[in-house]
Protein backbone atom coordinates (compact mmCIF):
# COMPACT_ATOMS: atom_id res chain seq x y z
CA UNK A 1 96.47 107.25 75.72
CA UNK A 2 96.05 111.21 76.95
CA UNK A 3 97.10 114.22 75.46
CA UNK A 4 98.07 114.02 71.57
CA UNK A 5 101.87 114.32 71.11
CA UNK A 6 102.11 115.70 75.13
CA UNK A 7 105.40 112.97 75.42
CA UNK A 8 107.09 114.21 72.17
CA UNK A 9 106.17 117.86 73.22
CA UNK A 10 107.97 117.68 76.35
CA UNK A 11 110.65 115.92 75.18
CA UNK A 12 112.00 118.18 72.14
CA UNK A 13 111.33 120.91 74.55
CA UNK A 14 114.07 118.94 77.51
CA UNK A 15 111.29 118.81 80.21
CA UNK A 16 112.04 115.69 80.63
CA UNK A 17 114.74 113.55 82.07
CA UNK A 18 116.92 111.34 80.28
CA UNK A 19 117.63 108.86 83.17
CA UNK A 20 115.46 106.61 84.41
CA UNK A 21 115.57 105.32 87.98
CA UNK A 22 114.64 102.38 89.74
CA UNK A 23 111.25 102.94 91.14
CA UNK A 24 112.71 101.75 94.76
CA UNK A 25 115.04 104.45 94.67
CA UNK A 26 112.19 107.52 94.40
CA UNK A 27 109.96 105.43 96.93
CA UNK A 28 113.14 105.87 99.41
CA UNK A 29 112.68 109.88 98.23
CA UNK A 30 108.91 110.11 99.77
CA UNK A 31 106.98 108.84 102.24
CA UNK A 32 103.75 109.80 100.37
CA UNK A 33 101.49 107.64 99.05
CA UNK A 34 102.24 106.49 95.47
CA UNK A 35 99.25 105.53 92.95
CA UNK A 36 99.59 103.00 89.99
CA UNK A 37 97.22 103.33 87.07
CA UNK A 38 97.05 99.70 86.56
CA UNK A 39 95.11 99.83 82.89
CA UNK A 40 97.65 102.21 81.51
CA UNK A 41 100.86 100.35 82.95
CA UNK A 42 99.96 96.60 82.48
CA UNK A 43 97.50 97.14 79.76
CA UNK A 44 99.09 94.30 77.48
CA UNK A 45 99.52 92.15 80.60
CA UNK A 46 96.23 92.57 81.91
CA UNK A 47 94.75 91.65 78.57
CA UNK A 48 96.96 88.61 77.88
CA UNK A 49 96.13 87.50 81.29
CA UNK A 50 92.21 88.18 80.83
CA UNK A 51 92.47 86.34 77.59
CA UNK A 52 94.38 83.34 78.81
CA UNK A 53 91.75 83.56 82.49
CA UNK A 54 95.33 83.84 83.95
CA UNK A 55 94.27 86.89 86.63
CA UNK A 56 95.38 85.34 90.00
CA UNK A 57 98.92 84.83 88.62
CA UNK A 58 99.24 88.33 87.34
CA UNK A 59 98.35 89.35 90.57
CA UNK A 60 101.14 87.48 91.86
CA UNK A 61 103.47 89.51 89.29
CA UNK A 62 102.32 92.89 90.90
CA UNK A 63 103.16 91.85 93.94
CA UNK A 64 106.17 90.28 92.97
CA UNK A 65 107.74 93.86 91.11
CA UNK A 66 106.51 96.14 93.85
CA UNK A 67 107.22 94.03 97.00
CA UNK A 68 109.88 96.68 97.99
CA UNK A 69 107.53 99.19 98.72
CA UNK A 70 103.55 97.18 99.34
CA UNK A 71 102.86 99.58 102.12
CA UNK A 72 103.17 102.79 100.13
CA UNK A 73 101.83 101.91 96.86
CA UNK A 74 97.88 101.74 96.06
CA UNK A 75 96.84 99.90 92.58
CA UNK A 76 93.88 101.71 90.87
CA UNK A 77 92.13 100.14 88.73
CA UNK A 78 89.86 101.36 85.88
CA UNK A 79 86.10 101.22 86.76
CA UNK A 80 82.96 101.44 84.17
CA UNK A 81 84.00 102.81 80.44
CA UNK A 82 83.30 106.62 80.95
CA UNK A 83 80.56 108.47 78.89
CA UNK A 84 82.85 111.12 77.94
CA UNK A 85 84.95 109.01 76.32
CA UNK A 86 82.46 107.58 73.91
CA UNK A 87 84.57 108.92 71.00
CA UNK A 88 87.78 107.23 71.69
CA UNK A 89 85.50 103.97 72.42
CA UNK A 90 83.86 103.80 68.97
CA UNK A 91 87.43 104.63 67.20
CA UNK A 92 88.86 101.55 69.59
CA UNK A 93 85.88 99.18 68.32
CA UNK A 94 85.79 100.44 65.18
CA UNK A 95 89.36 99.02 65.30
CA UNK A 96 88.70 96.00 66.32
CA UNK A 97 85.79 95.73 63.94
CA UNK A 98 88.20 95.78 61.01
CA UNK A 99 90.92 93.10 62.50
CA UNK A 100 87.65 90.52 62.52
CA UNK A 101 86.99 91.72 59.04
CA UNK A 102 90.54 90.70 58.31
CA UNK A 103 90.41 87.48 59.71
CA UNK A 104 87.49 86.35 58.53
CA UNK A 105 89.06 87.37 54.79
CA UNK A 106 92.39 85.19 55.79
CA UNK A 107 89.97 82.24 57.17
CA UNK A 108 87.67 82.38 53.73
CA UNK A 109 91.20 82.89 51.75
CA UNK A 110 92.85 80.10 53.35
CA UNK A 111 89.59 77.21 52.89
CA UNK A 112 89.50 78.59 49.11
CA UNK A 113 93.09 76.73 48.66
CA UNK A 114 92.90 73.94 51.39
CA UNK A 115 89.62 72.72 51.93
CA UNK A 116 90.84 70.33 54.47
CA UNK A 117 92.40 72.50 57.22
CA UNK A 118 94.15 75.60 57.85
CA UNK A 119 97.39 75.43 57.48
CA UNK A 120 100.57 76.47 60.13
CA UNK A 121 100.74 79.87 58.44
CA UNK A 122 96.90 80.54 58.46
CA UNK A 123 96.28 79.62 61.87
CA UNK A 124 99.12 81.79 63.08
CA UNK A 125 98.20 84.72 61.21
CA UNK A 126 94.64 84.39 62.60
CA UNK A 127 95.43 83.73 66.18
CA UNK A 128 97.18 86.71 65.90
CA UNK A 129 94.48 89.01 64.75
CA UNK A 130 91.91 87.56 67.16
CA UNK A 131 94.48 88.43 69.82
CA UNK A 132 94.78 91.77 69.40
CA UNK A 133 90.72 92.10 68.67
CA UNK A 134 90.03 90.51 72.61
CA UNK A 135 88.42 93.11 74.80
CA UNK A 136 88.42 92.44 78.33
CA UNK A 137 85.48 92.47 80.50
CA UNK A 138 84.60 94.63 83.42
CA UNK A 139 83.90 91.28 85.45
CA UNK A 140 88.01 90.84 84.30
CA UNK A 141 89.04 93.94 86.05
CA UNK A 142 86.69 92.75 89.19
CA UNK A 143 88.13 89.40 88.82
CA UNK A 144 91.65 91.30 88.99
CA UNK A 145 90.61 93.06 92.17
CA UNK A 146 89.47 90.01 94.07
CA UNK A 147 92.69 88.19 92.90
CA UNK A 148 95.10 91.67 93.98
CA UNK A 149 93.02 92.18 97.57
CA UNK A 150 93.45 88.08 98.37
CA UNK A 151 97.18 88.40 98.67
CA UNK A 152 97.28 91.55 100.71
CA UNK A 153 97.64 94.71 97.93
CA UNK A 154 96.06 97.81 98.06
CA UNK A 155 93.95 97.93 95.60
CA UNK A 156 90.86 100.48 94.41
CA UNK A 157 88.75 99.87 91.86
CA UNK A 158 87.60 103.55 90.79
CA UNK A 159 84.14 104.12 89.87
CA UNK A 160 85.18 105.46 86.02
CA UNK A 161 88.29 105.99 84.73
CA UNK A 162 91.57 105.90 86.72
CA UNK A 163 92.60 109.46 86.21
CA UNK A 164 89.03 111.07 86.41
CA UNK A 165 88.93 109.03 90.29
CA UNK A 166 93.09 110.18 91.03
CA UNK A 167 92.16 114.17 89.81
CA UNK A 168 90.15 114.62 92.58
CA UNK A 169 92.78 113.52 95.49
CA UNK A 170 94.91 116.26 96.46
CA UNK A 171 98.77 116.11 95.63
CA UNK A 172 99.02 113.15 93.63
CA UNK A 173 101.82 110.66 92.63
CA UNK A 174 101.07 108.79 89.92
CA UNK A 175 102.60 105.54 88.12
CA UNK A 176 101.44 105.62 84.89
CA UNK A 177 102.49 105.88 80.93
CA UNK A 178 99.15 108.21 79.82
CA UNK A 179 100.20 111.58 79.47
CA UNK A 180 96.83 113.26 80.43
CA UNK A 181 97.65 112.70 84.24
CA UNK A 182 100.84 115.98 83.13
CA UNK A 183 97.67 118.14 83.14
CA UNK A 184 95.71 117.22 86.22
CA UNK A 185 95.75 120.03 88.49
CA UNK A 186 96.22 117.86 91.53
CA UNK A 187 98.96 115.66 90.56
CA UNK A 188 102.11 116.77 92.09
CA UNK A 189 104.63 114.45 90.43
CA UNK A 190 103.93 111.57 87.53
CA UNK A 191 106.16 108.30 87.44
CA UNK A 192 106.65 107.63 83.28
CA UNK A 193 106.94 103.89 84.06
CA UNK A 194 108.45 101.15 81.86
CA UNK A 195 109.02 97.72 83.15
CA UNK A 196 112.26 95.94 82.29
CA UNK A 197 112.27 92.59 83.25
CA UNK A 198 111.60 92.35 87.57
CA UNK A 199 112.42 95.92 87.89
CA UNK A 200 110.18 99.43 87.28
CA UNK A 201 112.45 101.61 86.04
CA UNK A 202 110.50 105.62 86.30
CA UNK A 203 111.34 108.88 85.16
CA UNK A 204 110.09 111.36 87.47
CA UNK A 205 108.09 114.08 86.00
CA UNK A 206 107.65 117.05 89.28
CA UNK A 207 104.56 119.45 88.18
CA UNK A 208 106.45 122.61 89.75
CA UNK A 209 109.79 122.27 87.99
CA UNK A 210 107.11 121.81 84.80
CA UNK A 211 105.44 124.66 85.30
CA UNK A 212 108.49 127.08 85.86
CA UNK A 213 110.08 125.44 82.92
CA UNK A 214 107.34 125.99 80.45
CA UNK A 215 106.04 129.51 82.18
CA UNK A 216 102.57 128.51 83.09
CA UNK A 217 100.40 127.97 85.97
CA UNK A 218 98.39 124.97 86.26
CA UNK A 219 95.54 126.14 85.03
CA UNK A 220 96.97 127.29 82.34
CA UNK A 221 98.58 123.78 81.80
CA UNK A 222 94.88 122.12 82.24
CA UNK A 223 93.52 124.34 80.24
CA UNK A 224 96.51 123.38 77.08
CA UNK A 225 95.68 119.43 77.86
CA UNK A 226 92.20 120.19 77.12
CA UNK A 227 91.76 122.24 74.21
CA UNK A 228 94.99 119.83 72.28
CA UNK A 229 92.93 116.54 71.94
CA UNK A 230 93.05 114.26 74.07
CA UNK A 231 90.48 111.07 74.86
CA UNK A 232 88.02 113.21 75.80
CA UNK A 233 87.60 116.35 73.49
CA UNK A 234 89.61 117.21 70.00
CA UNK A 235 91.97 119.67 69.30
CA UNK A 236 90.82 122.08 66.86
CA UNK A 237 92.68 121.65 63.23
CA UNK A 238 96.24 121.95 62.84
CA UNK A 239 95.96 123.74 66.72
CA UNK A 240 97.86 120.56 68.42
CA UNK A 241 99.48 121.27 71.68
CA UNK A 242 102.90 123.22 70.20
CA UNK A 243 100.62 125.70 68.22
CA UNK A 244 97.71 125.94 71.79
CA UNK A 245 101.30 125.99 73.73
CA UNK A 246 102.44 129.32 71.94
CA UNK A 247 99.10 131.18 71.92
CA UNK A 248 98.76 130.40 75.68
CA UNK A 249 102.36 131.52 76.75
């Protein structure tokens, strides 16, 4: 998630590098601690591991991916849900409810056509929908925390959202896919991540370079993120990121 349309906006203004680099190459350029937003970069993989009760294997996979830089990397796991994001949570629950209702309709329809058992096609459709509707719990996060710490990974369970936790830390380098990190004043570098096989590729976005190209200061960039629609607040109708940027600049 993040600020609405932020990645396309920055790409269209040629503010993001086109080429990705291996995460290990970036680590070689700095001795700073690097924070990984686990629930952002590995959301689907964590969800699948929680669904299959296979969090130990997932923790091992994380260790394998970051093996060359484990001393430098700290993994941050979201804690309890933030009440400030109630609209986002409500929207997700509504989507989950709609998926479950769709699955129920398919079951009823299939039963009408075949009273003995569900056909293979119906079972596959239902299984896919139930997988989509699965929501992991706070207990799953605790299990992941324990699994990661048991194999020596530097791991932090944030009190709430990872982005809020890191916003209180100075001069942060963060690995994420959430665009809201670009607007947080304390974050100096965002590494937009992509997992390819056994490699982590990143697109580094340096905050100072971003500010210079946008002709904004850190406070103005943060305000731009707040008013343009995000997980915590809505934007005014017809006033998205592009239009708000033109006004602020």
